């Protein structure tokens, strides 16, 4: 899965919006 590490970094930076940021990061990593 591309963007896996990206998701982890975003989760640490934005724990409150974890689910939303995770979805965006997953989509970005998947499309690239």
C-alpha atoms as a PDB file:
ATOM      1  CA  UNK A   1       0.000   0.000   0.000  1.00  0.00           C
ATOM      2  CA  UNK A   2       1.405   3.345  -1.019  1.00  0.00           C
ATOM      3  CA  UNK A   3       1.105   6.130   1.532  1.00  0.00           C
ATOM      4  CA  UNK A   4       1.099   3.808   4.545  1.00  0.00           C
ATOM      5  CA  UNK A   5       3.823   5.747   6.357  1.00  0.00           C
ATOM      6  CA  UNK A   6       2.097   8.963   5.353  1.00  0.00           C
ATOM      7  CA  UNK A   7      -1.024   7.873   7.213  1.00  0.00           C
ATOM      8  CA  UNK A   8       0.967   7.134  10.369  1.00  0.00           C
ATOM      9  CA  UNK A   9       2.617  10.566  10.285  1.00  0.00           C
ATOM     10  CA  UNK A  10      -0.716  12.335   9.771  1.00  0.00           C
ATOM     11  CA  UNK A  11      -2.275  10.327  12.620  1.00  0.00           C
ATOM     12  CA  UNK A  12       0.415  11.558  15.006  1.00  0.00           C
ATOM     13  CA  UNK A  13       0.073  15.168  13.871  1.00  0.00           C
ATOM     14  CA  UNK A  14      -3.742  15.194  13.793  1.00  0.00           C
ATOM     15  CA  UNK A  15      -5.026  12.649  16.360  1.00  0.00           C
ATOM     16  CA  UNK A  16      -8.385  14.443  16.554  1.00  0.00           C
ATOM     17  CA  UNK A  17      -9.088  14.260  12.828  1.00  0.00           C
ATOM     18  CA  UNK A  18      -7.437  10.868  12.480  1.00  0.00           C
ATOM     19  CA  UNK A  19     -10.201   9.201  10.486  1.00  0.00           C
ATOM     20  CA  UNK A  20     -10.678  12.105   8.078  1.00  0.00           C
ATOM     21  CA  UNK A  21      -6.961  12.626   7.527  1.00  0.00           C
ATOM     22  CA  UNK A  22      -6.432   8.885   7.198  1.00  0.00           C
ATOM     23  CA  UNK A  23      -9.055   8.703   4.449  1.00  0.00           C
ATOM     24  CA  UNK A  24      -7.475  11.630   2.579  1.00  0.00           C
ATOM     25  CA  UNK A  25      -3.971  10.209   2.928  1.00  0.00           C
ATOM     26  CA  UNK A  26      -5.168   6.786   1.767  1.00  0.00           C
ATOM     27  CA  UNK A  27      -6.863   8.287  -1.307  1.00  0.00           C
ATOM     28  CA  UNK A  28      -3.803  10.419  -2.124  1.00  0.00           C
ATOM     29  CA  UNK A  29      -1.432   7.478  -1.723  1.00  0.00           C
ATOM     30  CA  UNK A  30      -3.724   5.176  -3.701  1.00  0.00           C
ATOM     31  CA  UNK A  31      -4.108   7.575  -6.641  1.00  0.00           C
ATOM     32  CA  UNK A  32      -0.384   8.320  -6.899  1.00  0.00           C
END
